[in-house]
C-alpha atoms as a PDB file:
ATOM      1  CA  UNK A   1     112.870-250.738 -92.217  1.00  0.00           C
ATOM      2  CA  UNK A   2     112.934-253.064 -89.221  1.00  0.00           C
ATOM      3  CA  UNK A   3     111.909-251.528 -85.884  1.00  0.00           C
ATOM      4  CA  UNK A   4     112.505-253.316 -82.574  1.00  0.00           C
ATOM      5  CA  UNK A   5     109.641-253.055 -80.082  1.00  0.00           C
ATOM      6  CA  UNK A   6     110.346-253.263 -76.351  1.00  0.00           C
ATOM      7  CA  UNK A   7     108.289-252.465 -73.256  1.00  0.00           C
ATOM      8  CA  UNK A   8     108.751-252.951 -69.527  1.00  0.00           C
ATOM      9  CA  UNK A   9     105.028-253.817 -69.381  1.00  0.00           C
ATOM     10  CA  UNK A  10     105.850-257.267 -70.780  1.00  0.00           C
ATOM     11  CA  UNK A  11     108.549-259.708 -69.689  1.00  0.00           C
ATOM     12  CA  UNK A  12     112.075-258.979 -70.825  1.00  0.00           C
ATOM     13  CA  UNK A  13     113.409-261.421 -73.400  1.00  0.00           C
ATOM     14  CA  UNK A  14     114.941-264.508 -71.783  1.00  0.00           C
ATOM     15  CA  UNK A  15     117.213-265.125 -74.764  1.00  0.00           C
ATOM     16  CA  UNK A  16     118.669-263.477 -77.862  1.00  0.00           C
ATOM     17  CA  UNK A  17     115.405-262.198 -79.340  1.00  0.00           C
ATOM     18  CA  UNK A  18     113.239-259.074 -79.328  1.00  0.00           C
ATOM     19  CA  UNK A  19     109.786-258.851 -77.756  1.00  0.00           C
ATOM     20  CA  UNK A  20     108.540-257.835 -81.201  1.00  0.00           C
ATOM     21  CA  UNK A  21     109.743-256.598 -84.565  1.00  0.00           C
ATOM     22  CA  UNK A  22     107.775-254.312 -86.870  1.00  0.00           C
ATOM     23  CA  UNK A  23     108.393-254.365 -90.615  1.00  0.00           C
ATOM     24  CA  UNK A  24     106.276-252.725 -93.344  1.00  0.00           C
ATOM     25  CA  UNK A  25     103.142-252.366 -91.218  1.00  0.00           C
ATOM     26  CA  UNK A  26     103.345-255.881 -89.769  1.00  0.00           C
ATOM     27  CA  UNK A  27     104.209-256.654 -86.155  1.00  0.00           C
ATOM     28  CA  UNK A  28     105.771-260.007 -85.266  1.00  0.00           C
ATOM     29  CA  UNK A  29     105.408-260.680 -81.532  1.00  0.00           C
ATOM     30  CA  UNK A  30     107.772-263.304 -80.141  1.00  0.00           C
ATOM     31  CA  UNK A  31     106.294-266.228 -78.259  1.00  0.00           C
ATOM     32  CA  UNK A  32     105.127-265.007 -74.867  1.00  0.00           C
ATOM     33  CA  UNK A  33     105.164-267.147 -71.740  1.00  0.00           C
ATOM     34  CA  UNK A  34     103.293-266.454 -68.485  1.00  0.00           C
ATOM     35  CA  UNK A  35     105.954-264.401 -66.755  1.00  0.00           C
ATOM     36  CA  UNK A  36     104.787-261.470 -64.657  1.00  0.00           C
ATOM     37  CA  UNK A  37     106.793-258.511 -65.998  1.00  0.00           C
ATOM     38  CA  UNK A  38     107.474-256.901 -62.607  1.00  0.00           C
ATOM     39  CA  UNK A  39     108.903-260.057 -61.041  1.00  0.00           C
ATOM     40  CA  UNK A  40     109.924-262.183 -64.061  1.00  0.00           C
ATOM     41  CA  UNK A  41     108.335-265.118 -62.219  1.00  0.00           C
ATOM     42  CA  UNK A  42     105.779-267.529 -63.665  1.00  0.00           C
ATOM     43  CA  UNK A  43     102.275-266.568 -62.576  1.00  0.00           C
ATOM     44  CA  UNK A  44     100.749-268.843 -59.937  1.00  0.00           C
ATOM     45  CA  UNK A  45      97.880-271.070 -60.971  1.00  0.00           C
ATOM     46  CA  UNK A  46      96.984-273.372 -63.823  1.00  0.00           C
ATOM     47  CA  UNK A  47      96.446-273.107 -67.552  1.00  0.00           C
ATOM     48  CA  UNK A  48      93.746-270.416 -67.299  1.00  0.00           C
ATOM     49  CA  UNK A  49      95.918-268.106 -65.217  1.00  0.00           C
ATOM     50  CA  UNK A  50      98.914-268.776 -67.448  1.00  0.00           C
ATOM     51  CA  UNK A  51      96.957-268.107 -70.644  1.00  0.00           C
ATOM     52  CA  UNK A  52      95.548-264.875 -69.208  1.00  0.00           C
ATOM     53  CA  UNK A  53      99.050-263.664 -68.298  1.00  0.00           C
ATOM     54  CA  UNK A  54     100.363-264.548 -71.754  1.00  0.00           C
ATOM     55  CA  UNK A  55      97.537-262.586 -73.377  1.00  0.00           C
ATOM     56  CA  UNK A  56      98.188-259.577 -71.100  1.00  0.00           C
ATOM     57  CA  UNK A  57     101.865-259.711 -72.085  1.00  0.00           C
ATOM     58  CA  UNK A  58     100.901-259.777 -75.771  1.00  0.00           C
ATOM     59  CA  UNK A  59      98.484-256.897 -75.184  1.00  0.00           C
ATOM     60  CA  UNK A  60     101.286-254.798 -73.629  1.00  0.00           C
ATOM     61  CA  UNK A  61     103.562-255.389 -76.610  1.00  0.00           C
ATOM     62  CA  UNK A  62     100.799-254.681 -79.129  1.00  0.00           C
ATOM     63  CA  UNK A  63      99.970-251.461 -77.285  1.00  0.00           C
ATOM     64  CA  UNK A  64     103.601-250.323 -77.148  1.00  0.00           C
ATOM     65  CA  UNK A  65     103.774-250.689 -80.945  1.00  0.00           C
ATOM     66  CA  UNK A  66     100.440-248.928 -81.524  1.00  0.00           C
ATOM     67  CA  UNK A  67      98.450-252.078 -82.330  1.00  0.00           C
ATOM     68  CA  UNK A  68      95.548-253.870 -80.653  1.00  0.00           C
ATOM     69  CA  UNK A  69      94.029-257.340 -80.672  1.00  0.00           C
ATOM     70  CA  UNK A  70      91.807-256.140 -83.547  1.00  0.00           C
ATOM     71  CA  UNK A  71      94.973-255.942 -85.686  1.00  0.00           C
ATOM     72  CA  UNK A  72      96.053-259.538 -84.985  1.00  0.00           C
ATOM     73  CA  UNK A  73      95.862-261.742 -88.070  1.00  0.00           C
ATOM     74  CA  UNK A  74      97.623-264.920 -86.882  1.00  0.00           C
ATOM     75  CA  UNK A  75      98.490-266.625 -83.618  1.00  0.00           C
ATOM     76  CA  UNK A  76     100.338-269.813 -82.818  1.00  0.00           C
ATOM     77  CA  UNK A  77      99.533-271.433 -79.475  1.00  0.00           C
ATOM     78  CA  UNK A  78     101.987-273.940 -78.062  1.00  0.00           C
ATOM     79  CA  UNK A  79     100.762-276.145 -75.237  1.00  0.00           C
ATOM     80  CA  UNK A  80     102.665-278.513 -72.983  1.00  0.00           C
ATOM     81  CA  UNK A  81      99.610-280.815 -72.983  1.00  0.00           C
ATOM     82  CA  UNK A  82      96.609-280.902 -75.362  1.00  0.00           C
ATOM     83  CA  UNK A  83      94.452-281.713 -72.330  1.00  0.00           C
ATOM     84  CA  UNK A  84      94.722-277.962 -71.623  1.00  0.00           C
ATOM     85  CA  UNK A  85      93.358-276.965 -75.048  1.00  0.00           C
ATOM     86  CA  UNK A  86      89.752-276.330 -73.966  1.00  0.00           C
ATOM     87  CA  UNK A  87      90.693-274.243 -70.915  1.00  0.00           C
ATOM     88  CA  UNK A  88      93.260-272.260 -72.928  1.00  0.00           C
ATOM     89  CA  UNK A  89      90.593-271.581 -75.577  1.00  0.00           C
ATOM     90  CA  UNK A  90      88.160-270.237 -72.972  1.00  0.00           C
ATOM     91  CA  UNK A  91      90.612-267.546 -71.897  1.00  0.00           C
ATOM     92  CA  UNK A  92      92.087-266.875 -75.357  1.00  0.00           C
ATOM     93  CA  UNK A  93      88.609-266.408 -76.855  1.00  0.00           C
ATOM     94  CA  UNK A  94      87.790-263.570 -74.461  1.00  0.00           C
ATOM     95  CA  UNK A  95      90.470-261.472 -76.154  1.00  0.00           C
ATOM     96  CA  UNK A  96      89.010-262.142 -79.634  1.00  0.00           C
ATOM     97  CA  UNK A  97      85.232-261.973 -79.252  1.00  0.00           C
ATOM     98  CA  UNK A  98      84.817-260.632 -82.807  1.00  0.00           C
ATOM     99  CA  UNK A  99      86.706-261.594 -85.957  1.00  0.00           C
ATOM    100  CA  UNK A 100      89.321-263.833 -84.326  1.00  0.00           C
ATOM    101  CA  UNK A 101      92.632-264.276 -86.142  1.00  0.00           C
ATOM    102  CA  UNK A 102      93.797-267.347 -87.993  1.00  0.00           C
ATOM    103  CA  UNK A 103      95.450-269.722 -85.540  1.00  0.00           C
ATOM    104  CA  UNK A 104      97.369-272.913 -85.064  1.00  0.00           C
ATOM    105  CA  UNK A 105      97.510-274.740 -81.733  1.00  0.00           C
ATOM    106  CA  UNK A 106      99.501-277.801 -80.902  1.00  0.00           C
ATOM    107  CA  UNK A 107     101.291-279.589 -78.104  1.00  0.00           C
ATOM    108  CA  UNK A 108     105.056-279.682 -77.891  1.00  0.00           C
ATOM    109  CA  UNK A 109     107.373-281.805 -75.801  1.00  0.00           C
ATOM    110  CA  UNK A 110     108.497-278.895 -73.601  1.00  0.00           C
ATOM    111  CA  UNK A 111     108.178-275.140 -73.290  1.00  0.00           C
ATOM    112  CA  UNK A 112     110.664-272.642 -71.842  1.00  0.00           C
ATOM    113  CA  UNK A 113     110.788-272.494 -68.044  1.00  0.00           C
ATOM    114  CA  UNK A 114     108.422-275.479 -67.828  1.00  0.00           C
ATOM    115  CA  UNK A 115     105.327-273.351 -68.549  1.00  0.00           C
ATOM    116  CA  UNK A 116     102.030-274.739 -69.857  1.00  0.00           C
ATOM    117  CA  UNK A 117     101.477-272.276 -72.737  1.00  0.00           C
ATOM    118  CA  UNK A 118     103.367-269.998 -75.108  1.00  0.00           C
ATOM    119  CA  UNK A 119     101.689-267.850 -77.771  1.00  0.00           C
ATOM    120  CA  UNK A 120     103.237-265.948 -80.677  1.00  0.00           C
ATOM    121  CA  UNK A 121     101.297-263.360 -82.649  1.00  0.00           C
ATOM    122  CA  UNK A 122     101.370-261.466 -85.924  1.00  0.00           C
ATOM    123  CA  UNK A 123      99.466-258.185 -86.290  1.00  0.00           C
ATOM    124  CA  UNK A 124      98.997-256.038 -89.390  1.00  0.00           C
ATOM    125  CA  UNK A 125      97.903-252.421 -89.738  1.00  0.00           C
ATOM    126  CA  UNK A 126      95.101-252.039 -92.297  1.00  0.00           C
END
């Protein structure tokens, strides 16, 4: 059965989607952007600050559903500019120091709210 996951510790959805959906022991986390949950404003700073905020938002959703970064099996990183790839990787890698998930990363023409990074995640309970 499909279970909708929602927490006030991550930004509210800015469209018709759920923060995450859990089905059969798998958690599908919607693409997260660098909004600060308390203010719903984009975090100040550059790609490193934005990536850190995105990862904290993902962490809050994982936690609400009873998962952790150790359960993540796949991530998709969307960047507004591939020139930010190295800096994004530096921050992203700190959340996956052991056994990182499979991942795709690519640049897109635009991201919601004009942000630099959006990351979606899939986690599975073993």
